[in-house]
């Protein structure tokens, strides 16, 4: 997919997949609360016809590529790659069918899984948790699927650490079922990731990992892969004492 075609990916759909919805909708555009700061009055406009965004608070704006670069703090080439592999729903058969179909679940359970742990958050960045973003959790279980483990290894993540902090989630969207790595948030939702999809199962929220006693230090992470990477590095550098129990951790999950 060329960059010109990538720019045609609807910004509205991208934000919806991230758990962000317009506060108000008008003919041809929506007004959002800015994803870059906390605010009561929506100042972030998405033009549905032109597929452009404008942040009246900062004066910035542009295409979906510009939005991903700013949201994820990544260079142009990384934003292109992320959007190239991104899918809001199952793609057409002629587009990446072999890639995405590999993560299409052939057998599913009717059991609904629970969150990884029951965490009570002292503060939250909930974004319309009552709304469903079109992705439905079918099942969650231990992280064991070979393709997901291969993906984690390609990201240099220690598998023991990944299994401790993540789950294998099976979900439904667009009438088909898929599977991915799931990372539980404080509201009971999941951040989900496989090589060809990055999204969330609503409700969207942060993940606050607390220690048993109150700590004065807290590490902040943009996404759960960053958190797993730190734990992996600590394990490699000091396998006998890879402790992180001297600080809390907050994973923002792109809230």
Protein backbone atom coordinates (compact mmCIF):
# COMPACT_ATOMS: atom_id res chain seq x y z
CA UNK A 1 0.00 0.00 0.00
CA UNK A 2 1.48 3.34 -1.08
CA UNK A 3 1.51 6.37 1.20
CA UNK A 4 -1.18 8.09 -0.90
CA UNK A 5 -3.47 5.12 -0.37
CA UNK A 6 -2.61 4.97 3.32
CA UNK A 7 -3.84 8.54 3.66
CA UNK A 8 -7.28 7.27 2.61
CA UNK A 9 -7.63 5.18 5.78
CA UNK A 10 -10.46 6.98 7.61
CA UNK A 11 -9.22 8.92 10.61
CA UNK A 12 -12.62 8.42 12.24
CA UNK A 13 -12.21 4.62 12.03
CA UNK A 14 -8.65 4.79 13.35
CA UNK A 15 -9.71 6.82 16.38
CA UNK A 16 -12.71 4.56 16.95
CA UNK A 17 -10.42 1.55 17.00
CA UNK A 18 -8.31 3.31 19.63
CA UNK A 19 -11.40 3.80 21.78
CA UNK A 20 -11.80 7.50 20.94
CA UNK A 21 -15.20 8.81 19.83
CA UNK A 22 -16.45 12.27 18.82
CA UNK A 23 -18.02 14.35 21.55
CA UNK A 24 -20.24 15.96 18.90
CA UNK A 25 -20.91 15.16 15.27
CA UNK A 26 -22.02 17.53 12.57
CA UNK A 27 -22.64 17.24 8.84
CA UNK A 28 -19.32 16.06 7.43
CA UNK A 29 -17.15 16.35 10.52
CA UNK A 30 -16.79 15.43 14.17
CA UNK A 31 -15.45 17.31 17.18
CA UNK A 32 -13.34 15.29 19.61
CA UNK A 33 -11.66 15.95 22.90
CA UNK A 34 -8.02 16.16 21.94
CA UNK A 35 -6.10 12.87 22.28
CA UNK A 36 -3.02 14.93 23.19
CA UNK A 37 -4.29 16.49 26.43
CA UNK A 38 -7.12 16.46 28.95
CA UNK A 39 -9.92 18.87 28.11
CA UNK A 40 -13.64 19.36 28.68
CA UNK A 41 -14.49 21.29 25.53
CA UNK A 42 -13.75 19.37 22.31
CA UNK A 43 -11.18 21.19 20.18
CA UNK A 44 -10.03 18.41 17.86
CA UNK A 45 -11.80 18.39 14.49
CA UNK A 46 -11.90 15.49 12.03
CA UNK A 47 -13.20 16.32 8.55
CA UNK A 48 -14.83 13.12 7.32
CA UNK A 49 -14.93 14.21 3.68
CA UNK A 50 -11.35 15.47 3.37
CA UNK A 51 -10.09 12.89 5.90
CA UNK A 52 -7.99 15.50 7.69
CA UNK A 53 -7.67 16.50 11.34
CA UNK A 54 -7.05 19.85 13.01
CA UNK A 55 -6.24 20.50 16.65
CA UNK A 56 -7.47 24.00 17.44
CA UNK A 57 -5.65 23.92 20.76
CA UNK A 58 -2.20 23.54 19.21
CA UNK A 59 -2.85 24.70 15.65
CA UNK A 60 -1.55 21.41 14.29
CA UNK A 61 -3.24 19.14 11.79
CA UNK A 62 -2.84 17.00 8.71
CA UNK A 63 -3.41 13.49 7.39
CA UNK A 64 -3.76 10.20 9.25
CA UNK A 65 0.00 9.73 8.82
CA UNK A 66 0.67 13.00 10.64
CA UNK A 67 -1.75 11.90 13.36
CA UNK A 68 -0.03 8.55 13.94
CA UNK A 69 3.39 10.23 13.97
CA UNK A 70 2.21 12.59 16.72
CA UNK A 71 0.20 10.04 18.71
CA UNK A 72 2.95 7.41 18.73
CA UNK A 73 5.87 9.87 18.65
CA UNK A 74 7.37 8.00 15.72
CA UNK A 75 9.05 8.99 12.43
CA UNK A 76 7.28 8.98 9.07
CA UNK A 77 8.54 5.56 7.99
CA UNK A 78 7.33 3.91 11.22
CA UNK A 79 3.90 5.51 10.89
CA UNK A 80 3.66 4.26 7.31
CA UNK A 81 4.60 0.74 8.36
CA UNK A 82 2.13 0.74 11.23
CA UNK A 83 -0.72 1.89 9.01
CA UNK A 84 0.28 -0.51 6.25
CA UNK A 85 -0.12 -3.43 8.63
CA UNK A 86 -3.15 -1.98 10.33
CA UNK A 87 -6.67 -3.21 9.71
CA UNK A 88 -9.85 -1.96 11.30
CA UNK A 89 -11.75 -5.08 10.25
CA UNK A 90 -10.95 -8.17 8.18
CA UNK A 91 -9.44 -7.07 4.90
CA UNK A 92 -10.79 -8.11 1.50
CA UNK A 93 -9.68 -11.50 0.31
CA UNK A 94 -7.29 -10.08 -2.25
CA UNK A 95 -5.51 -7.84 0.28
CA UNK A 96 -3.06 -9.46 2.71
CA UNK A 97 -5.37 -12.48 2.98
CA UNK A 98 -2.61 -14.93 3.85
CA UNK A 99 -1.16 -12.65 6.52
CA UNK A 100 -4.34 -11.69 8.35
CA UNK A 101 -6.07 -15.03 7.85
CA UNK A 102 -3.25 -16.69 9.75
CA UNK A 103 -4.59 -14.88 12.79
CA UNK A 104 -8.20 -15.83 12.05
CA UNK A 105 -9.40 -18.27 14.70
CA UNK A 106 -10.57 -21.57 13.24
CA UNK A 107 -12.17 -22.75 16.47
CA UNK A 108 -13.61 -20.53 19.16
CA UNK A 109 -15.15 -20.86 22.59
CA UNK A 110 -18.33 -19.19 23.78
CA UNK A 111 -16.72 -18.41 27.12
CA UNK A 112 -16.05 -14.80 27.91
CA UNK A 113 -12.75 -14.27 29.67
CA UNK A 114 -12.05 -12.11 32.64
CA UNK A 115 -9.35 -9.49 32.93
CA UNK A 116 -5.85 -10.63 33.82
CA UNK A 117 -6.12 -9.20 37.31
CA UNK A 118 -8.62 -7.21 39.31
CA UNK A 119 -6.92 -3.83 39.61
CA UNK A 120 -8.58 -0.88 41.32
CA UNK A 121 -7.31 2.33 39.80
CA UNK A 122 -6.87 5.52 41.79
CA UNK A 123 -7.23 7.54 38.62
CA UNK A 124 -8.32 6.77 35.11
CA UNK A 125 -8.35 7.95 31.52
CA UNK A 126 -11.62 6.24 30.51
CA UNK A 127 -12.87 7.14 27.03
CA UNK A 128 -16.53 6.35 26.51
CA UNK A 129 -16.23 2.88 28.08
CA UNK A 130 -19.92 2.24 27.51
CA UNK A 131 -19.40 2.21 23.73
CA UNK A 132 -18.27 -0.88 21.88
CA UNK A 133 -15.64 -0.30 19.21
CA UNK A 134 -16.79 -3.26 17.15
CA UNK A 135 -14.29 -5.72 18.63
CA UNK A 136 -15.87 -8.36 20.87
CA UNK A 137 -13.93 -10.55 23.29
CA UNK A 138 -14.71 -14.25 22.78
CA UNK A 139 -12.10 -15.96 24.93
CA UNK A 140 -8.91 -15.31 26.88
CA UNK A 141 -6.43 -17.97 27.92
CA UNK A 142 -2.75 -18.66 28.52
CA UNK A 143 -0.43 -17.28 25.86
CA UNK A 144 0.59 -20.35 23.86
CA UNK A 145 -0.11 -19.94 20.14
CA UNK A 146 3.12 -20.49 18.15
CA UNK A 147 2.57 -17.53 15.84
CA UNK A 148 2.12 -15.15 18.75
CA UNK A 149 5.20 -16.50 20.47
CA UNK A 150 7.17 -16.10 17.24
CA UNK A 151 6.02 -12.49 17.04
CA UNK A 152 7.16 -11.81 20.61
CA UNK A 153 10.54 -13.39 19.88
CA UNK A 154 10.88 -11.16 16.81
CA UNK A 155 10.38 -8.20 19.17
CA UNK A 156 13.08 -9.66 21.49
CA UNK A 157 10.58 -10.13 24.33
CA UNK A 158 11.29 -12.84 26.90
CA UNK A 159 8.51 -15.43 26.59
CA UNK A 160 8.34 -16.20 30.30
CA UNK A 161 7.83 -12.51 31.03
CA UNK A 162 5.24 -12.22 28.24
CA UNK A 163 3.26 -15.18 29.57
CA UNK A 164 3.28 -13.66 33.04
CA UNK A 165 1.89 -10.31 31.92
CA UNK A 166 -0.16 -11.11 28.82
CA UNK A 167 -2.94 -13.40 27.67
CA UNK A 168 -3.93 -14.95 24.38
CA UNK A 169 -7.23 -13.36 23.40
CA UNK A 170 -9.68 -14.47 20.75
CA UNK A 171 -11.98 -11.76 19.48
CA UNK A 172 -14.60 -11.10 16.82
CA UNK A 173 -14.88 -8.20 14.42
CA UNK A 174 -16.62 -7.88 11.09
CA UNK A 175 -18.21 -11.30 11.50
CA UNK A 176 -14.93 -13.19 11.79
CA UNK A 177 -12.82 -14.35 14.70
CA UNK A 178 -9.13 -13.60 15.25
CA UNK A 179 -6.53 -14.01 17.96
CA UNK A 180 -3.83 -11.75 19.35
CA UNK A 181 -1.69 -10.95 22.38
CA UNK A 182 -3.83 -9.28 25.02
CA UNK A 183 -2.71 -6.92 27.79
CA UNK A 184 -5.36 -6.17 30.41
CA UNK A 185 -6.15 -2.61 31.45
CA UNK A 186 -7.67 -1.30 34.67
CA UNK A 187 -11.21 -1.07 33.25
CA UNK A 188 -11.39 -4.71 32.19
CA UNK A 189 -10.54 -4.16 28.53
CA UNK A 190 -7.53 -5.34 26.56
CA UNK A 191 -4.87 -3.83 24.36
CA UNK A 192 -4.45 -6.38 21.56
CA UNK A 193 -1.56 -6.89 19.19
CA UNK A 194 -0.36 -9.28 16.51
CA UNK A 195 1.99 -8.58 13.59
CA UNK A 196 -0.82 -7.20 11.43
CA UNK A 197 -3.20 -5.59 13.88
CA UNK A 198 -3.01 -3.12 16.75
CA UNK A 199 -6.15 -2.18 18.61
CA UNK A 200 -8.15 -2.57 21.79
CA UNK A 201 -11.12 -4.39 23.21
CA UNK A 202 -13.23 -1.77 24.98
CA UNK A 203 -13.31 -0.27 27.51
CA UNK A 204 -10.00 1.50 26.98
CA UNK A 205 -7.95 2.59 29.98
CA UNK A 206 -4.48 2.74 31.47
CA UNK A 207 -2.85 -0.19 33.27
CA UNK A 208 -1.53 0.68 36.74
CA UNK A 209 0.74 -2.01 38.17
CA UNK A 210 1.21 -1.36 41.87
CA UNK A 211 3.59 -2.87 44.37
CA UNK A 212 2.38 -4.20 47.70
CA UNK A 213 3.36 -1.06 49.57
CA UNK A 214 3.22 2.54 48.44
CA UNK A 215 6.15 3.68 46.32
CA UNK A 216 7.40 7.20 45.65
CA UNK A 217 8.64 6.27 42.15
CA UNK A 218 6.51 5.36 39.17
CA UNK A 219 7.70 4.43 35.67
CA UNK A 220 5.52 5.59 32.75
CA UNK A 221 5.22 3.65 29.49
CA UNK A 222 3.46 4.50 26.23
CA UNK A 223 2.51 0.90 25.42
CA UNK A 224 2.77 -2.56 26.91
CA UNK A 225 5.52 -3.64 24.50
CA UNK A 226 7.71 -0.91 26.02
CA UNK A 227 6.97 -2.30 29.47
CA UNK A 228 7.77 -5.88 28.42
CA UNK A 229 10.98 -4.67 26.77
CA UNK A 230 12.20 -3.09 30.02
CA UNK A 231 11.45 -6.25 31.98
CA UNK A 232 13.28 -8.32 29.36
CA UNK A 233 16.35 -6.07 29.46
CA UNK A 234 16.46 -6.24 33.24
CA UNK A 235 16.24 -10.01 33.10
CA UNK A 236 19.11 -10.17 30.61
CA UNK A 237 21.36 -7.76 32.51
CA UNK A 238 20.75 -9.18 35.96
CA UNK A 239 19.00 -12.57 35.80
CA UNK A 240 19.52 -13.23 39.51
CA UNK A 241 17.88 -9.98 40.56
CA UNK A 242 15.68 -8.54 37.79
CA UNK A 243 13.48 -6.85 40.38
CA UNK A 244 11.18 -3.94 39.64
CA UNK A 245 9.43 -4.00 43.01
CA UNK A 246 10.92 -0.67 44.07
CA UNK A 247 8.58 1.32 41.81
CA UNK A 248 5.06 1.29 40.39
CA UNK A 249 4.37 1.14 36.65
CA UNK A 250 1.74 2.89 34.55
CA UNK A 251 1.18 1.83 30.94
CA UNK A 252 -0.79 4.51 29.09
CA UNK A 253 -2.09 2.20 26.34
CA UNK A 254 -2.34 5.22 23.99
CA UNK A 255 -5.03 6.85 26.16
